[in-house]
Amino acid sequence: MKIIIVGMAYPYRGGLAAFNERLSQEYVKNGHDVEVFYFHAFCQMHGRIFII
């Protein structure tokens, strides 16, 4: 299954960023295709994490 998580993520720190990071890792362990989108002042692509 393809899953998109929108919210705080690495490199940000804190509860939401940590939760979304762990959640995405668990989905990947279970065989899902996961992409994490989070907001940043610049538009660029960094690995599998899109910064928008």
PDB file of N, CA and C in Angstrom:
ATOM      1  N   MET A   1       0.852  -1.171   0.000  1.00  0.00           N
ATOM      2  CA  MET A   1       0.000   0.000   0.000  1.00  0.00           C
ATOM      3  C   MET A   1       0.899   1.237   0.000  1.00  0.00           C
ATOM      4  N   LYS A   2       0.510   2.256  -0.738  1.00  0.00           N
ATOM      5  CA  LYS A   2       1.231   3.521  -0.730  1.00  0.00           C
ATOM      6  C   LYS A   2       0.615   4.427   0.327  1.00  0.00           C
ATOM      7  N   ILE A   3       1.467   4.973   1.178  1.00  0.00           N
ATOM      8  CA  ILE A   3       1.007   5.804   2.289  1.00  0.00           C
ATOM      9  C   ILE A   3       1.756   7.131   2.246  1.00  0.00           C
ATOM     10  N   ILE A   4       1.029   8.229   2.414  1.00  0.00           N
ATOM     11  CA  ILE A   4       1.628   9.560   2.505  1.00  0.00           C
ATOM     12  C   ILE A   4       1.316  10.107   3.896  1.00  0.00           C
ATOM     13  N   ILE A   5       2.350  10.558   4.576  1.00  0.00           N
ATOM     14  CA  ILE A   5       2.195  11.194   5.890  1.00  0.00           C
ATOM     15  C   ILE A   5       2.534  12.667   5.703  1.00  0.00           C
ATOM     16  N   VAL A   6       1.615  13.544   6.092  1.00  0.00           N
ATOM     17  CA  VAL A   6       1.832  14.989   5.987  1.00  0.00           C
ATOM     18  C   VAL A   6       1.918  15.550   7.397  1.00  0.00           C
ATOM     19  N   GLY A   7       3.037  16.175   7.709  1.00  0.00           N
ATOM     20  CA  GLY A   7       3.207  16.742   9.043  1.00  0.00           C
ATOM     21  C   GLY A   7       4.675  16.950   9.355  1.00  0.00           C
ATOM     22  N   MET A   8       4.965  17.227  10.587  1.00  0.00           N
ATOM     23  CA  MET A   8       6.339  17.462  11.021  1.00  0.00           C
ATOM     24  C   MET A   8       7.137  16.169  10.918  1.00  0.00           C
ATOM     25  N   ALA A   9       8.418  16.292  10.532  1.00  0.00           N
ATOM     26  CA  ALA A   9       9.300  15.134  10.404  1.00  0.00           C
ATOM     27  C   ALA A   9      10.744  15.609  10.504  1.00  0.00           C
ATOM     28  N   TYR A  10      11.671  14.652  10.488  1.00  0.00           N
ATOM     29  CA  TYR A  10      13.091  14.984  10.509  1.00  0.00           C
ATOM     30  C   TYR A  10      13.368  16.003   9.415  1.00  0.00           C
ATOM     31  N   PRO A  11      14.112  17.057   9.634  1.00  0.00           N
ATOM     32  CA  PRO A  11      15.043  17.325  10.720  1.00  0.00           C
ATOM     33  C   PRO A  11      14.445  18.042  11.921  1.00  0.00           C
ATOM     34  N   TYR A  12      13.146  18.312  11.890  1.00  0.00           N
ATOM     35  CA  TYR A  12      12.517  18.938  13.052  1.00  0.00           C
ATOM     36  C   TYR A  12      12.531  17.981  14.230  1.00  0.00           C
ATOM     37  N   ARG A  13      12.514  18.531  15.456  1.00  0.00           N
ATOM     38  CA  ARG A  13      12.503  17.711  16.653  1.00  0.00           C
ATOM     39  C   ARG A  13      11.206  17.954  17.400  1.00  0.00           C
ATOM     40  N   GLY A  14      10.858  17.010  18.241  1.00  0.00           N
ATOM     41  CA  GLY A  14       9.654  17.157  19.039  1.00  0.00           C
ATOM     42  C   GLY A  14       8.744  15.962  18.873  1.00  0.00           C
ATOM     43  N   GLY A  15       7.624  15.992  19.592  1.00  0.00           N
ATOM     44  CA  GLY A  15       6.714  14.864  19.643  1.00  0.00           C
ATOM     45  C   GLY A  15       6.121  14.470  18.305  1.00  0.00           C
ATOM     46  N   LEU A  16       5.592  15.436  17.552  1.00  0.00           N
ATOM     47  CA  LEU A  16       4.979  15.104  16.264  1.00  0.00           C
ATOM     48  C   LEU A  16       6.000  14.587  15.265  1.00  0.00           C
ATOM     49  N   ALA A  17       7.171  15.210  15.221  1.00  0.00           N
ATOM     50  CA  ALA A  17       8.210  14.774  14.290  1.00  0.00           C
ATOM     51  C   ALA A  17       8.678  13.359  14.637  1.00  0.00           C
ATOM     52  N   ALA A  18       8.884  13.088  15.915  1.00  0.00           N
ATOM     53  CA  ALA A  18       9.323  11.759  16.345  1.00  0.00           C
ATOM     54  C   ALA A  18       8.252  10.711  16.054  1.00  0.00           C
ATOM     55  N   PHE A  19       6.995  11.046  16.325  1.00  0.00           N
ATOM     56  CA  PHE A  19       5.900  10.106  16.076  1.00  0.00           C
ATOM     57  C   PHE A  19       5.783   9.776  14.587  1.00  0.00           C
ATOM     58  N   ASN A  20       5.809  10.800  13.736  1.00  0.00           N
ATOM     59  CA  ASN A  20       5.686  10.567  12.298  1.00  0.00           C
ATOM     60  C   ASN A  20       6.860   9.752  11.762  1.00  0.00           C
ATOM     61  N   GLU A  21       8.058   9.986  12.285  1.00  0.00           N
ATOM     62  CA  GLU A  21       9.227   9.222  11.866  1.00  0.00           C
ATOM     63  C   GLU A  21       9.067   7.747  12.248  1.00  0.00           C
ATOM     64  N   ARG A  22       8.676   7.490  13.491  1.00  0.00           N
ATOM     65  CA  ARG A  22       8.483   6.100  13.930  1.00  0.00           C
ATOM     66  C   ARG A  22       7.335   5.426  13.193  1.00  0.00           C
ATOM     67  N   LEU A  23       6.262   6.170  12.961  1.00  0.00           N
ATOM     68  CA  LEU A  23       5.122   5.631  12.240  1.00  0.00           C
ATOM     69  C   LEU A  23       5.528   5.217  10.824  1.00  0.00           C
ATOM     70  N   SER A  24       6.266   6.089  10.138  1.00  0.00           N
ATOM     71  CA  SER A  24       6.689   5.759   8.776  1.00  0.00           C
ATOM     72  C   SER A  24       7.632   4.563   8.769  1.00  0.00           C
ATOM     73  N   GLN A  25       8.520   4.447   9.754  1.00  0.00           N
ATOM     74  CA  GLN A  25       9.425   3.298   9.830  1.00  0.00           C
ATOM     75  C   GLN A  25       8.657   1.998  10.041  1.00  0.00           C
ATOM     76  N   GLU A  26       7.640   2.017  10.867  1.00  0.00           N
ATOM     77  CA  GLU A  26       6.842   0.812  11.108  1.00  0.00           C
ATOM     78  C   GLU A  26       6.066   0.408   9.854  1.00  0.00           C
ATOM     79  N   TYR A  27       5.528   1.387   9.131  1.00  0.00           N
ATOM     80  CA  TYR A  27       4.843   1.072   7.878  1.00  0.00           C
ATOM     81  C   TYR A  27       5.803   0.412   6.891  1.00  0.00           C
ATOM     82  N   VAL A  28       7.022   0.941   6.795  1.00  0.00           N
ATOM     83  CA  VAL A  28       8.016   0.373   5.881  1.00  0.00           C
ATOM     84  C   VAL A  28       8.371  -1.051   6.302  1.00  0.00           C
ATOM     85  N   LYS A  29       8.523  -1.283   7.603  1.00  0.00           N
ATOM     86  CA  LYS A  29       8.818  -2.638   8.100  1.00  0.00           C
ATOM     87  C   LYS A  29       7.725  -3.622   7.709  1.00  0.00           C
ATOM     88  N   ASN A  30       6.494  -3.137   7.614  1.00  0.00           N
ATOM     89  CA  ASN A  30       5.365  -3.992   7.248  1.00  0.00           C
ATOM     90  C   ASN A  30       5.155  -4.067   5.739  1.00  0.00           C
ATOM     91  N   GLY A  31       6.109  -3.529   4.957  1.00  0.00           N
ATOM     92  CA  GLY A  31       6.075  -3.685   3.519  1.00  0.00           C
ATOM     93  C   GLY A  31       5.348  -2.610   2.736  1.00  0.00           C
ATOM     94  N   HIS A  32       5.003  -1.512   3.382  1.00  0.00           N
ATOM     95  CA  HIS A  32       4.299  -0.430   2.697  1.00  0.00           C
ATOM     96  C   HIS A  32       5.291   0.557   2.088  1.00  0.00           C
ATOM     97  N   ASP A  33       4.867   1.268   1.057  1.00  0.00           N
ATOM     98  CA  ASP A  33       5.654   2.329   0.431  1.00  0.00           C
ATOM     99  C   ASP A  33       5.208   3.649   1.059  1.00  0.00           C
ATOM    100  N   VAL A  34       6.116   4.307   1.785  1.00  0.00           N
ATOM    101  CA  VAL A  34       5.754   5.493   2.569  1.00  0.00           C
ATOM    102  C   VAL A  34       6.536   6.706   2.089  1.00  0.00           C
ATOM    103  N   GLU A  35       5.842   7.825   1.953  1.00  0.00           N
ATOM    104  CA  GLU A  35       6.477   9.117   1.694  1.00  0.00           C
ATOM    105  C   GLU A  35       5.996  10.090   2.763  1.00  0.00           C
ATOM    106  N   VAL A  36       6.930  10.905   3.251  1.00  0.00           N
ATOM    107  CA  VAL A  36       6.610  11.879   4.289  1.00  0.00           C
ATOM    108  C   VAL A  36       6.763  13.276   3.686  1.00  0.00           C
ATOM    109  N   PHE A  37       5.725  14.095   3.799  1.00  0.00           N
ATOM    110  CA  PHE A  37       5.762  15.476   3.335  1.00  0.00           C
ATOM    111  C   PHE A  37       5.723  16.387   4.555  1.00  0.00           C
ATOM    112  N   TYR A  38       6.606  17.384   4.560  1.00  0.00           N
ATOM    113  CA  TYR A  38       6.545  18.367   5.635  1.00  0.00           C
ATOM    114  C   TYR A  38       6.856  19.749   5.077  1.00  0.00           C
ATOM    115  N   PHE A  39       6.480  20.763   5.812  1.00  0.00           N
ATOM    116  CA  PHE A  39       6.601  22.135   5.345  1.00  0.00           C
ATOM    117  C   PHE A  39       7.955  22.728   5.696  1.00  0.00           C
ATOM    118  N   HIS A  40       8.501  23.459   4.753  1.00  0.00           N
ATOM    119  CA  HIS A  40       9.784  24.115   4.934  1.00  0.00           C
ATOM    120  C   HIS A  40       9.786  25.358   4.052  1.00  0.00           C
ATOM    121  N   ALA A  41      10.670  26.274   4.311  1.00  0.00           N
ATOM    122  CA  ALA A  41      10.698  27.515   3.555  1.00  0.00           C
ATOM    123  C   ALA A  41      11.158  27.315   2.107  1.00  0.00           C
ATOM    124  N   PHE A  42      11.835  26.211   1.827  1.00  0.00           N
ATOM    125  CA  PHE A  42      12.356  25.951   0.491  1.00  0.00           C
ATOM    126  C   PHE A  42      11.659  24.750  -0.123  1.00  0.00           C
ATOM    127  N   CYS A  43      11.575  24.717  -1.450  1.00  0.00           N
ATOM    128  CA  CYS A  43      11.021  23.565  -2.152  1.00  0.00           C
ATOM    129  C   CYS A  43      12.185  22.761  -2.713  1.00  0.00           C
ATOM    130  N   GLN A  44      12.389  21.575  -2.199  1.00  0.00           N
ATOM    131  CA  GLN A  44      13.445  20.707  -2.688  1.00  0.00           C
ATOM    132  C   GLN A  44      13.096  19.259  -2.343  1.00  0.00           C
ATOM    133  N   MET A  45      13.807  18.337  -2.938  1.00  0.00           N
ATOM    134  CA  MET A  45      13.571  16.929  -2.639  1.00  0.00           C
ATOM    135  C   MET A  45      14.805  16.394  -1.957  1.00  0.00           C
ATOM    136  N   HIS A  46      14.632  15.714  -0.844  1.00  0.00           N
ATOM    137  CA  HIS A  46      15.749  15.189  -0.067  1.00  0.00           C
ATOM    138  C   HIS A  46      15.496  13.722   0.193  1.00  0.00           C
ATOM    139  N   GLY A  47      16.069  12.836  -0.620  1.00  0.00           N
ATOM    140  CA  GLY A  47      15.826  11.408  -0.454  1.00  0.00           C
ATOM    141  C   GLY A  47      14.368  11.084  -0.697  1.00  0.00           C
ATOM    142  N   ARG A  48      13.730  10.388   0.232  1.00  0.00           N
ATOM    143  CA  ARG A  48      12.321  10.031   0.116  1.00  0.00           C
ATOM    144  C   ARG A  48      11.455  11.015   0.877  1.00  0.00           C
ATOM    145  N   ILE A  49      12.045  12.040   1.462  1.00  0.00           N
ATOM    146  CA  ILE A  49      11.276  13.036   2.199  1.00  0.00           C
ATOM    147  C   ILE A  49      11.193  14.293   1.353  1.00  0.00           C
ATOM    148  N   PHE A  50      10.005  14.737   1.025  1.00  0.00           N
ATOM    149  CA  PHE A  50       9.804  15.921   0.211  1.00  0.00           C
ATOM    150  C   PHE A  50       9.601  17.129   1.115  1.00  0.00           C
ATOM    151  N   ILE A  51      10.338  18.176   0.849  1.00  0.00           N
ATOM    152  CA  ILE A  51      10.243  19.398   1.646  1.00  0.00           C
ATOM    153  C   ILE A  51       9.455  20.407   0.822  1.00  0.00           C
ATOM    154  N   ILE A  52       8.263  20.841   1.317  1.00  0.00           N
ATOM    155  CA  ILE A  52       7.459  21.788   0.554  1.00  0.00           C
ATOM    156  C   ILE A  52       7.148  23.018   1.383  1.00  0.00           C
TER     157      ILE A  52
END
